[in-house]
Amino acid sequence: MTPRTGRENAGGTYRDHICSIKARQGKTVLATATRDHREARAGLDERQKAEWDARTLERAGRLLDKYLARTSTMADNAIAKFENVLETDFAKRPAKQEASNEGK
């Protein structure tokens, strides 16, 4: 029995349990490296991946470095996102004046 729930523990990890449920449903569970690669190719940057996986930004960057060779597709996606941000109204707003300029 587990001390927290008082129920029998069938053994294995949470991932093993999820994989067995998915197998009964006829679905597959992607390996971490495959999932991370697909997310990066889809255009998720480190910040978005950290939000998606509930990880820190540093941890998301280390995962991408470990599992992925930074490809030209990833670079193209990053450039496209950057250019898109520059075209938005938010990016065209004038910069706020600093508080130090108000005292003059």
C-alpha atoms as a PDB file:
ATOM      1  CA  MET A   1       0.000   0.000   0.000  1.00  0.00           C
ATOM      2  CA  THR A   2       1.067   3.537  -0.581  1.00  0.00           C
ATOM      3  CA  PRO A   3       1.200   5.711   2.536  1.00  0.00           C
ATOM      4  CA  ARG A   4      -0.546   8.652   0.916  1.00  0.00           C
ATOM      5  CA  THR A   5      -3.605   6.900  -0.546  1.00  0.00           C
ATOM      6  CA  GLY A   6      -3.717   3.621   1.369  1.00  0.00           C
ATOM      7  CA  ARG A   7      -4.309   1.765  -1.913  1.00  0.00           C
ATOM      8  CA  GLU A   8      -2.349  -1.045  -3.445  1.00  0.00           C
ATOM      9  CA  ASN A   9       0.471   0.040  -5.744  1.00  0.00           C
ATOM     10  CA  ALA A  10       0.579  -2.004  -8.935  1.00  0.00           C
ATOM     11  CA  GLY A  11       4.169  -0.897  -9.521  1.00  0.00           C
ATOM     12  CA  GLY A  12       5.632   1.031 -12.397  1.00  0.00           C
ATOM     13  CA  THR A  13       5.637   4.739 -13.011  1.00  0.00           C
ATOM     14  CA  TYR A  14       2.916   7.190 -13.866  1.00  0.00           C
ATOM     15  CA  ARG A  15       4.157   7.120 -17.461  1.00  0.00           C
ATOM     16  CA  ASP A  16       3.822   3.307 -17.525  1.00  0.00           C
ATOM     17  CA  HIS A  17       0.244   3.660 -16.324  1.00  0.00           C
ATOM     18  CA  ILE A  18      -0.593   6.247 -18.992  1.00  0.00           C
ATOM     19  CA  CYS A  19       1.056   4.095 -21.684  1.00  0.00           C
ATOM     20  CA  SER A  20      -1.068   1.082 -20.702  1.00  0.00           C
ATOM     21  CA  ILE A  21      -4.250   3.186 -20.854  1.00  0.00           C
ATOM     22  CA  LYS A  22      -3.277   4.583 -24.260  1.00  0.00           C
ATOM     23  CA  ALA A  23      -2.437   1.058 -25.506  1.00  0.00           C
ATOM     24  CA  ARG A  24      -5.926  -0.151 -24.553  1.00  0.00           C
ATOM     25  CA  GLN A  25      -7.332   2.798 -26.511  1.00  0.00           C
ATOM     26  CA  GLY A  26      -5.177   1.921 -29.519  1.00  0.00           C
ATOM     27  CA  LYS A  27      -3.121   5.117 -29.203  1.00  0.00           C
ATOM     28  CA  THR A  28       0.617   5.547 -28.953  1.00  0.00           C
ATOM     29  CA  VAL A  29       2.601   7.708 -26.556  1.00  0.00           C
ATOM     30  CA  LEU A  30       5.458   9.610 -28.133  1.00  0.00           C
ATOM     31  CA  ALA A  31       8.891   9.377 -26.611  1.00  0.00           C
ATOM     32  CA  THR A  32      10.063  12.590 -24.990  1.00  0.00           C
ATOM     33  CA  ALA A  33      12.666  13.224 -27.678  1.00  0.00           C
ATOM     34  CA  THR A  34      10.109  12.753 -30.459  1.00  0.00           C
ATOM     35  CA  ARG A  35       7.565  15.010 -28.763  1.00  0.00           C
ATOM     36  CA  ASP A  36      10.146  17.733 -28.100  1.00  0.00           C
ATOM     37  CA  HIS A  37      11.348  17.536 -31.703  1.00  0.00           C
ATOM     38  CA  ARG A  38       7.814  17.863 -33.075  1.00  0.00           C
ATOM     39  CA  GLU A  39       7.065  20.811 -30.810  1.00  0.00           C
ATOM     40  CA  ALA A  40      10.235  22.588 -31.899  1.00  0.00           C
ATOM     41  CA  ARG A  41       9.568  21.928 -35.574  1.00  0.00           C
ATOM     42  CA  ALA A  42       6.050  23.278 -35.069  1.00  0.00           C
ATOM     43  CA  GLY A  43       7.591  26.557 -33.956  1.00  0.00           C
ATOM     44  CA  LEU A  44       7.440  26.440 -30.151  1.00  0.00           C
ATOM     45  CA  ASP A  45      10.291  28.433 -28.686  1.00  0.00           C
ATOM     46  CA  GLU A  46      11.844  27.818 -25.270  1.00  0.00           C
ATOM     47  CA  ARG A  47       9.407  30.113 -23.462  1.00  0.00           C
ATOM     48  CA  GLN A  48       6.349  28.484 -25.030  1.00  0.00           C
ATOM     49  CA  LYS A  49       7.711  25.014 -24.355  1.00  0.00           C
ATOM     50  CA  ALA A  50       8.334  25.935 -20.727  1.00  0.00           C
ATOM     51  CA  GLU A  51       4.734  27.128 -20.394  1.00  0.00           C
ATOM     52  CA  TRP A  52       3.373  24.047 -22.182  1.00  0.00           C
ATOM     53  CA  ASP A  53       5.332  21.547 -20.086  1.00  0.00           C
ATOM     54  CA  ALA A  54       5.226  23.574 -16.833  1.00  0.00           C
ATOM     55  CA  ARG A  55       9.021  23.721 -16.714  1.00  0.00           C
ATOM     56  CA  THR A  56      11.446  26.524 -16.112  1.00  0.00           C
ATOM     57  CA  LEU A  57      12.822  28.362 -19.108  1.00  0.00           C
ATOM     58  CA  GLU A  58      16.312  27.087 -18.325  1.00  0.00           C
ATOM     59  CA  ARG A  59      15.097  23.463 -18.178  1.00  0.00           C
ATOM     60  CA  ALA A  60      13.205  23.830 -21.470  1.00  0.00           C
ATOM     61  CA  GLY A  61      16.361  25.163 -23.143  1.00  0.00           C
ATOM     62  CA  ARG A  62      18.439  22.276 -21.814  1.00  0.00           C
ATOM     63  CA  LEU A  63      15.875  19.759 -23.094  1.00  0.00           C
ATOM     64  CA  LEU A  64      15.871  21.303 -26.547  1.00  0.00           C
ATOM     65  CA  ASP A  65      19.672  21.322 -26.605  1.00  0.00           C
ATOM     66  CA  LYS A  66      19.814  17.699 -25.476  1.00  0.00           C
ATOM     67  CA  TYR A  67      17.219  16.188 -27.779  1.00  0.00           C
ATOM     68  CA  LEU A  68      17.480  18.431 -30.835  1.00  0.00           C
ATOM     69  CA  ALA A  69      20.103  19.568 -33.206  1.00  0.00           C
ATOM     70  CA  ARG A  70      19.123  23.166 -33.762  1.00  0.00           C
ATOM     71  CA  THR A  71      17.942  22.937 -37.365  1.00  0.00           C
ATOM     72  CA  SER A  72      17.418  25.466 -40.114  1.00  0.00           C
ATOM     73  CA  THR A  73      13.664  24.869 -39.811  1.00  0.00           C
ATOM     74  CA  MET A  74      13.795  26.012 -36.208  1.00  0.00           C
ATOM     75  CA  ALA A  75      15.788  29.079 -37.215  1.00  0.00           C
ATOM     76  CA  ASP A  76      13.304  29.897 -39.985  1.00  0.00           C
ATOM     77  CA  ASN A  77      10.403  29.589 -37.529  1.00  0.00           C
ATOM     78  CA  ALA A  78      12.139  31.878 -35.041  1.00  0.00           C
ATOM     79  CA  ILE A  79      12.840  34.507 -37.729  1.00  0.00           C
ATOM     80  CA  ALA A  80       9.228  34.359 -38.959  1.00  0.00           C
ATOM     81  CA  LYS A  81       7.905  34.851 -35.426  1.00  0.00           C
ATOM     82  CA  PHE A  82      10.277  37.768 -34.844  1.00  0.00           C
ATOM     83  CA  GLU A  83       9.220  39.444 -38.092  1.00  0.00           C
ATOM     84  CA  ASN A  84       5.556  38.897 -37.223  1.00  0.00           C
ATOM     85  CA  VAL A  85       6.024  40.590 -33.854  1.00  0.00           C
ATOM     86  CA  LEU A  86       7.628  43.588 -35.542  1.00  0.00           C
ATOM     87  CA  GLU A  87       4.563  43.984 -37.770  1.00  0.00           C
ATOM     88  CA  THR A  88       2.050  44.111 -34.910  1.00  0.00           C
ATOM     89  CA  ASP A  89       0.584  47.303 -33.487  1.00  0.00           C
ATOM     90  CA  PHE A  90       2.131  46.498 -30.114  1.00  0.00           C
ATOM     91  CA  ALA A  91       5.633  46.756 -31.579  1.00  0.00           C
ATOM     92  CA  LYS A  92       4.811  50.044 -33.318  1.00  0.00           C
ATOM     93  CA  ARG A  93       3.842  51.866 -30.102  1.00  0.00           C
ATOM     94  CA  PRO A  94       6.208  54.623 -28.975  1.00  0.00           C
ATOM     95  CA  ALA A  95       8.457  53.764 -26.074  1.00  0.00           C
ATOM     96  CA  LYS A  96       7.436  55.006 -22.636  1.00  0.00           C
ATOM     97  CA  GLN A  97       9.475  57.857 -21.219  1.00  0.00           C
ATOM     98  CA  GLU A  98      11.653  56.941 -18.279  1.00  0.00           C
ATOM     99  CA  ALA A  99      10.841  58.412 -14.857  1.00  0.00           C
ATOM    100  CA  SER A 100      14.211  60.219 -14.778  1.00  0.00           C
ATOM    101  CA  ASN A 101      13.144  62.445 -17.687  1.00  0.00           C
ATOM    102  CA  GLU A 102      10.038  63.677 -15.816  1.00  0.00           C
ATOM    103  CA  GLY A 103      12.077  65.577 -13.182  1.00  0.00           C
ATOM    104  CA  LYS A 104      13.611  67.967 -15.740  1.00  0.00           C
END
